[in-house]
C-alpha atoms as a PDB file:
ATOM      1  CA  MET A   1      35.825  54.324-300.243  1.00  0.00           C
ATOM      2  CA  ALA A   2      35.201  53.129-296.444  1.00  0.00           C
ATOM      3  CA  ALA A   3      34.663  48.795-296.512  1.00  0.00           C
ATOM      4  CA  PRO A   4      37.898  46.994-297.098  1.00  0.00           C
ATOM      5  CA  PHE A   5      38.479  45.047-299.980  1.00  0.00           C
ATOM      6  CA  PRO A   6      38.325  42.345-300.307  1.00  0.00           C
ATOM      7  CA  GLN A   7      36.066  40.492-296.841  1.00  0.00           C
ATOM      8  CA  GLU A   8      35.015  37.449-295.733  1.00  0.00           C
ATOM      9  CA  ALA A   9      31.733  37.812-295.756  1.00  0.00           C
ATOM     10  CA  TYR A  10      29.709  41.203-297.116  1.00  0.00           C
ATOM     11  CA  THR A  11      26.458  41.892-295.061  1.00  0.00           C
ATOM     12  CA  ILE A  12      24.247  45.669-296.430  1.00  0.00           C
ATOM     13  CA  THR A  13      22.215  46.888-293.989  1.00  0.00           C
ATOM     14  CA  THR A  14      18.755  48.424-295.651  1.00  0.00           C
ATOM     15  CA  PRO A  15      15.585  49.237-294.346  1.00  0.00           C
ATOM     16  CA  ARG A  16      13.469  46.824-294.611  1.00  0.00           C
ATOM     17  CA  LEU A  17      16.257  43.901-295.754  1.00  0.00           C
ATOM     18  CA  ILE A  18      19.663  42.485-294.851  1.00  0.00           C
ATOM     19  CA  ILE A  19      21.564  41.345-297.943  1.00  0.00           C
ATOM     20  CA  ARG A  20      24.970  39.395-296.782  1.00  0.00           C
ATOM     21  CA  SER A  21      26.287  36.364-297.662  1.00  0.00           C
ATOM     22  CA  ALA A  22      24.840  32.595-297.497  1.00  0.00           C
ATOM     23  CA  VAL A  23      25.944  30.172-294.277  1.00  0.00           C
ATOM     24  CA  PRO A  24      25.346  26.165-295.384  1.00  0.00           C
ATOM     25  CA  GLU A  25      21.585  27.455-293.236  1.00  0.00           C
ATOM     26  CA  ASP A  26      20.561  28.823-295.566  1.00  0.00           C
ATOM     27  CA  ASP A  27      20.994  25.486-297.699  1.00  0.00           C
ATOM     28  CA  GLU A  28      16.814  24.792-297.873  1.00  0.00           C
ATOM     29  CA  ALA A  29      16.330  28.506-298.326  1.00  0.00           C
ATOM     30  CA  LEU A  30      18.249  29.039-301.806  1.00  0.00           C
ATOM     31  CA  TYR A  31      16.802  25.664-302.803  1.00  0.00           C
ATOM     32  CA  LYS A  32      13.134  26.856-302.565  1.00  0.00           C
ATOM     33  CA  LEU A  33      14.775  29.739-304.423  1.00  0.00           C
ATOM     34  CA  LEU A  34      16.168  28.524-306.900  1.00  0.00           C
ATOM     35  CA  SER A  35      13.685  25.341-307.430  1.00  0.00           C
ATOM     36  CA  THR A  36      10.718  26.739-307.965  1.00  0.00           C
ATOM     37  CA  PRO A  37      10.156  28.194-311.623  1.00  0.00           C
ATOM     38  CA  GLU A  38       7.211  30.856-310.689  1.00  0.00           C
ATOM     39  CA  ASN A  39      11.094  32.698-309.154  1.00  0.00           C
ATOM     40  CA  GLN A  40      12.674  32.084-312.278  1.00  0.00           C
ATOM     41  CA  PRO A  41      10.481  33.249-315.633  1.00  0.00           C
ATOM     42  CA  PHE A  42      13.365  33.850-318.007  1.00  0.00           C
ATOM     43  CA  ASP A  43      15.969  30.955-316.809  1.00  0.00           C
ATOM     44  CA  ALA A  44      15.073  27.668-316.677  1.00  0.00           C
ATOM     45  CA  VAL A  45      15.538  25.796-313.000  1.00  0.00           C
ATOM     46  CA  GLN A  46      18.637  24.342-313.194  1.00  0.00           C
ATOM     47  CA  PRO A  47      18.582  20.135-312.614  1.00  0.00           C
ATOM     48  CA  GLY A  48      20.041  18.725-309.579  1.00  0.00           C
ATOM     49  CA  LEU A  49      19.191  21.067-307.201  1.00  0.00           C
ATOM     50  CA  SER A  50      18.923  19.633-303.886  1.00  0.00           C
ATOM     51  CA  PRO A  51      19.449  20.977-300.698  1.00  0.00           C
ATOM     52  CA  GLU A  52      23.210  19.402-300.200  1.00  0.00           C
ATOM     53  CA  VAL A  53      23.922  20.510-303.662  1.00  0.00           C
ATOM     54  CA  ILE A  54      23.795  24.162-302.492  1.00  0.00           C
ATOM     55  CA  ARG A  55      25.319  24.060-299.483  1.00  0.00           C
ATOM     56  CA  ALA A  56      28.451  22.483-301.232  1.00  0.00           C
ATOM     57  CA  ARG A  57      28.108  25.298-303.162  1.00  0.00           C
ATOM     58  CA  ILE A  58      28.286  27.508-300.391  1.00  0.00           C
ATOM     59  CA  GLY A  59      31.024  26.543-299.441  1.00  0.00           C
ATOM     60  CA  ARG A  60      32.419  27.080-302.528  1.00  0.00           C
ATOM     61  CA  TRP A  61      31.588  30.104-302.440  1.00  0.00           C
ATOM     62  CA  LYS A  62      32.689  31.544-299.232  1.00  0.00           C
ATOM     63  CA  PRO A  63      37.183  31.405-300.493  1.00  0.00           C
ATOM     64  CA  MET A  64      36.002  33.032-303.397  1.00  0.00           C
ATOM     65  CA  THR A  65      34.833  35.687-301.310  1.00  0.00           C
ATOM     66  CA  ALA A  66      38.059  36.070-299.305  1.00  0.00           C
ATOM     67  CA  ALA A  67      39.551  36.301-302.419  1.00  0.00           C
ATOM     68  CA  GLY A  68      37.931  39.074-304.165  1.00  0.00           C
ATOM     69  CA  LYS A  69      36.754  37.299-307.239  1.00  0.00           C
ATOM     70  CA  ASN A  70      32.926  37.586-306.286  1.00  0.00           C
ATOM     71  CA  ALA A  71      30.122  37.771-303.163  1.00  0.00           C
ATOM     72  CA  PHE A  72      27.905  35.541-303.813  1.00  0.00           C
ATOM     73  CA  MET A  73      24.633  36.756-301.363  1.00  0.00           C
ATOM     74  CA  VAL A  74      21.348  36.433-299.894  1.00  0.00           C
ATOM     75  CA  VAL A  75      18.150  38.872-299.088  1.00  0.00           C
ATOM     76  CA  ALA A  76      16.240  38.747-295.838  1.00  0.00           C
ATOM     77  CA  LEU A  77      13.863  40.361-294.315  1.00  0.00           C
ATOM     78  CA  ARG A  78      15.019  42.351-290.848  1.00  0.00           C
ATOM     79  CA  GLU A  79      12.059  41.293-288.814  1.00  0.00           C
ATOM     80  CA  THR A  80      12.407  37.777-289.998  1.00  0.00           C
ATOM     81  CA  GLY A  81      15.629  36.786-290.978  1.00  0.00           C
ATOM     82  CA  GLU A  82      13.596  34.880-294.039  1.00  0.00           C
ATOM     83  CA  VAL A  83      15.659  34.425-296.897  1.00  0.00           C
ATOM     84  CA  ILE A  84      13.509  35.766-299.495  1.00  0.00           C
ATOM     85  CA  GLY A  85      16.386  36.279-302.724  1.00  0.00           C
ATOM     86  CA  ASN A  86      20.202  35.922-304.057  1.00  0.00           C
ATOM     87  CA  GLY A  87      22.089  38.700-305.648  1.00  0.00           C
ATOM     88  CA  GLY A  88      25.540  39.804-305.355  1.00  0.00           C
ATOM     89  CA  TYR A  89      28.565  40.657-306.814  1.00  0.00           C
ATOM     90  CA  ASN A  90      29.043  38.150-309.826  1.00  0.00           C
ATOM     91  CA  CYS A  91      32.489  39.728-309.998  1.00  0.00           C
ATOM     92  CA  PHE A  92      35.080  42.292-309.040  1.00  0.00           C
ATOM     93  CA  GLU A  93      37.031  43.482-312.305  1.00  0.00           C
ATOM     94  CA  ASP A  94      40.197  45.571-312.561  1.00  0.00           C
ATOM     95  CA  GLU A  95      39.750  48.380-315.526  1.00  0.00           C
ATOM     96  CA  ASN A  96      40.631  45.856-318.406  1.00  0.00           C
ATOM     97  CA  GLY A  97      38.169  43.818-317.586  1.00  0.00           C
ATOM     98  CA  ASN A  98      39.888  41.687-315.740  1.00  0.00           C
ATOM     99  CA  SER A  99      40.019  39.938-311.908  1.00  0.00           C
ATOM    100  CA  VAL A 100      41.551  41.468-308.662  1.00  0.00           C
ATOM    101  CA  ALA A 101      40.539  38.800-306.943  1.00  0.00           C
ATOM    102  CA  GLN A 102      43.845  36.887-305.465  1.00  0.00           C
ATOM    103  CA  GLN A 103      45.029  34.188-307.701  1.00  0.00           C
ATOM    104  CA  ASP A 104      46.839  30.768-306.622  1.00  0.00           C
ATOM    105  CA  GLY A 105      50.301  31.216-305.751  1.00  0.00           C
ATOM    106  CA  GLU A 106      49.599  35.663-304.905  1.00  0.00           C
ATOM    107  CA  ASP A 107      49.631  37.191-301.896  1.00  0.00           C
ATOM    108  CA  GLY A 108      46.987  39.872-302.476  1.00  0.00           C
ATOM    109  CA  ILE A 109      44.459  41.354-303.933  1.00  0.00           C
ATOM    110  CA  ARG A 110      45.181  43.317-307.441  1.00  0.00           C
ATOM    111  CA  GLY A 111      43.569  46.290-306.070  1.00  0.00           C
ATOM    112  CA  ARG A 112      40.337  47.590-305.615  1.00  0.00           C
ATOM    113  CA  PRO A 113      37.198  46.166-307.929  1.00  0.00           C
ATOM    114  CA  TYR A 114      36.683  49.418-310.695  1.00  0.00           C
ATOM    115  CA  LEU A 115      34.027  47.589-311.881  1.00  0.00           C
ATOM    116  CA  THR A 116      30.634  44.610-310.357  1.00  0.00           C
ATOM    117  CA  ASP A 117      27.216  42.661-311.982  1.00  0.00           C
ATOM    118  CA  THR A 118      24.767  42.406-309.843  1.00  0.00           C
ATOM    119  CA  GLY A 119      21.528  41.296-310.099  1.00  0.00           C
ATOM    120  CA  VAL A 120      18.618  39.888-307.890  1.00  0.00           C
ATOM    121  CA  VAL A 121      16.082  37.459-307.801  1.00  0.00           C
ATOM    122  CA  LEU A 122      13.473  37.587-304.809  1.00  0.00           C
ATOM    123  CA  ASP A 123      10.656  34.561-304.655  1.00  0.00           C
ATOM    124  CA  HIS A 124       7.380  35.523-306.614  1.00  0.00           C
ATOM    125  CA  ARG A 125       5.331  35.725-303.446  1.00  0.00           C
ATOM    126  CA  HIS A 126       7.047  39.257-302.900  1.00  0.00           C
ATOM    127  CA  TRP A 127       7.311  40.626-305.596  1.00  0.00           C
ATOM    128  CA  GLY A 128       5.737  44.539-305.996  1.00  0.00           C
ATOM    129  CA  LYS A 129       6.643  45.457-302.564  1.00  0.00           C
ATOM    130  CA  GLY A 130       9.635  47.197-302.952  1.00  0.00           C
ATOM    131  CA  TYR A 131      12.181  44.778-301.916  1.00  0.00           C
ATOM    132  CA  GLY A 132      13.616  44.674-305.721  1.00  0.00           C
ATOM    133  CA  ARG A 133      14.748  48.740-305.762  1.00  0.00           C
ATOM    134  CA  GLU A 134      15.734  48.590-302.592  1.00  0.00           C
ATOM    135  CA  THR A 135      17.906  45.433-303.045  1.00  0.00           C
ATOM    136  CA  LEU A 136      19.053  46.721-306.268  1.00  0.00           C
ATOM    137  CA  CYS A 137      19.970  50.500-304.643  1.00  0.00           C
ATOM    138  CA  ALA A 138      21.585  49.170-302.001  1.00  0.00           C
ATOM    139  CA  LYS A 139      23.711  46.859-303.885  1.00  0.00           C
ATOM    140  CA  VAL A 140      24.540  49.882-306.527  1.00  0.00           C
ATOM    141  CA  GLU A 141      25.344  52.128-303.155  1.00  0.00           C
ATOM    142  CA  TYR A 142      27.551  49.470-301.513  1.00  0.00           C
ATOM    143  CA  ALA A 143      29.907  49.002-304.089  1.00  0.00           C
ATOM    144  CA  VAL A 144      30.182  52.927-305.542  1.00  0.00           C
ATOM    145  CA  GLU A 145      30.505  53.687-302.000  1.00  0.00           C
ATOM    146  CA  GLU A 146      32.012  51.658-300.315  1.00  0.00           C
ATOM    147  CA  LEU A 147      33.799  49.615-302.597  1.00  0.00           C
ATOM    148  CA  GLY A 148      35.014  52.230-305.122  1.00  0.00           C
ATOM    149  CA  CYS A 149      33.464  50.914-307.813  1.00  0.00           C
ATOM    150  CA  LYS A 150      33.161  53.182-310.604  1.00  0.00           C
ATOM    151  CA  VAL A 151      31.257  50.440-312.776  1.00  0.00           C
ATOM    152  CA  VAL A 152      28.038  48.740-311.476  1.00  0.00           C
ATOM    153  CA  ARG A 153      26.330  46.512-314.766  1.00  0.00           C
ATOM    154  CA  VAL A 154      22.670  45.267-313.821  1.00  0.00           C
ATOM    155  CA  GLU A 155      22.120  44.192-317.899  1.00  0.00           C
ATOM    156  CA  THR A 156      19.641  41.201-318.106  1.00  0.00           C
ATOM    157  CA  ALA A 157      17.950  39.724-321.015  1.00  0.00           C
ATOM    158  CA  ASP A 158      15.409  42.225-323.622  1.00  0.00           C
ATOM    159  CA  ASP A 159      12.444  39.985-322.614  1.00  0.00           C
ATOM    160  CA  ASN A 160      12.833  39.993-318.200  1.00  0.00           C
ATOM    161  CA  LYS A 161      10.322  43.323-318.502  1.00  0.00           C
ATOM    162  CA  PRO A 162      10.162  43.152-314.776  1.00  0.00           C
ATOM    163  CA  TRP A 163      13.958  43.936-314.518  1.00  0.00           C
ATOM    164  CA  ARG A 164      13.351  46.924-317.447  1.00  0.00           C
ATOM    165  CA  ALA A 165      10.901  48.586-315.392  1.00  0.00           C
ATOM    166  CA  LEU A 166      13.052  48.267-313.092  1.00  0.00           C
ATOM    167  CA  MET A 167      15.949  49.982-314.169  1.00  0.00           C
ATOM    168  CA  THR A 168      13.482  51.984-315.477  1.00  0.00           C
ATOM    169  CA  SER A 169      11.399  53.529-312.473  1.00  0.00           C
ATOM    170  CA  LEU A 170      15.298  53.893-311.134  1.00  0.00           C
ATOM    171  CA  GLY A 171      16.246  55.982-314.745  1.00  0.00           C
ATOM    172  CA  LEU A 172      17.699  54.142-315.718  1.00  0.00           C
ATOM    173  CA  ALA A 173      15.569  53.117-318.402  1.00  0.00           C
ATOM    174  CA  GLU A 174      18.375  52.980-321.885  1.00  0.00           C
ATOM    175  CA  ILE A 175      20.205  49.657-322.469  1.00  0.00           C
ATOM    176  CA  GLU A 176      23.327  51.063-322.989  1.00  0.00           C
ATOM    177  CA  THR A 177      22.914  54.012-320.297  1.00  0.00           C
ATOM    178  CA  LYS A 178      25.921  55.016-318.677  1.00  0.00           C
ATOM    179  CA  GLY A 179      25.538  57.500-315.980  1.00  0.00           C
ATOM    180  CA  PRO A 180      26.985  58.150-312.035  1.00  0.00           C
ATOM    181  CA  TRP A 181      25.157  56.226-309.653  1.00  0.00           C
ATOM    182  CA  ARG A 182      25.115  60.149-307.352  1.00  0.00           C
ATOM    183  CA  ALA A 183      22.984  61.192-310.198  1.00  0.00           C
ATOM    184  CA  VAL A 184      20.491  58.896-310.418  1.00  0.00           C
ATOM    185  CA  ARG A 185      20.302  58.626-306.548  1.00  0.00           C
ATOM    186  CA  GLU A 186      19.812  62.278-305.917  1.00  0.00           C
ATOM    187  CA  ASP A 187      16.961  61.628-308.522  1.00  0.00           C
ATOM    188  CA  LEU A 188      15.107  58.673-306.746  1.00  0.00           C
ATOM    189  CA  LYS A 189      15.009  61.283-303.873  1.00  0.00           C
ATOM    190  CA  LYS A 190      14.071  64.285-305.097  1.00  0.00           C
ATOM    191  CA  ARG A 191      11.587  62.090-306.705  1.00  0.00           C
ATOM    192  CA  GLY A 192      10.435  60.031-303.136  1.00  0.00           C
ATOM    193  CA  LYS A 193      11.281  56.707-304.734  1.00  0.00           C
ATOM    194  CA  TRP A 194      14.354  56.289-302.807  1.00  0.00           C
ATOM    195  CA  PRO A 195      14.232  53.074-300.966  1.00  0.00           C
ATOM    196  CA  LEU A 196      17.429  53.111-297.931  1.00  0.00           C
END
């Protein structure tokens, strides 16, 4: 565990991507990402979205990140800075499923996180390029190695075949697969599929 927890903002750099906390200037890019039906094939596009609504959300996310509740992030191409996706850490919980976040009236967090939950939404124009694998591996690696999480959930609905295919390619095909991340990482390296 090398990274402080919580942080005001998170940044994870991979060979091709920067996964970072969203900033107000991401409002247009996130709006386009989240309002495009092709990017949300297993969910309906949220009604009432606008860049202003997204900007307000980003404003609410910052204090939640700083308190250790969650960390909503964007995925950007390192080469151009273009935002091509989003997904962060949806929660930080202890062994009993309670948030470790600083609560109103408390002076600090309730310890390091034991569990987090993560996923990724990518612009459909960037599917099939390995960005999903790179994003997911980077976020799990950071959660385990830097934040000290023992459990990282990456669950999805049964009909989300692309996500399930990604899980299969990572060696996490079983619905209830639980196992040490280090073993998954070493297997990916051995198979030449490690993206970081």
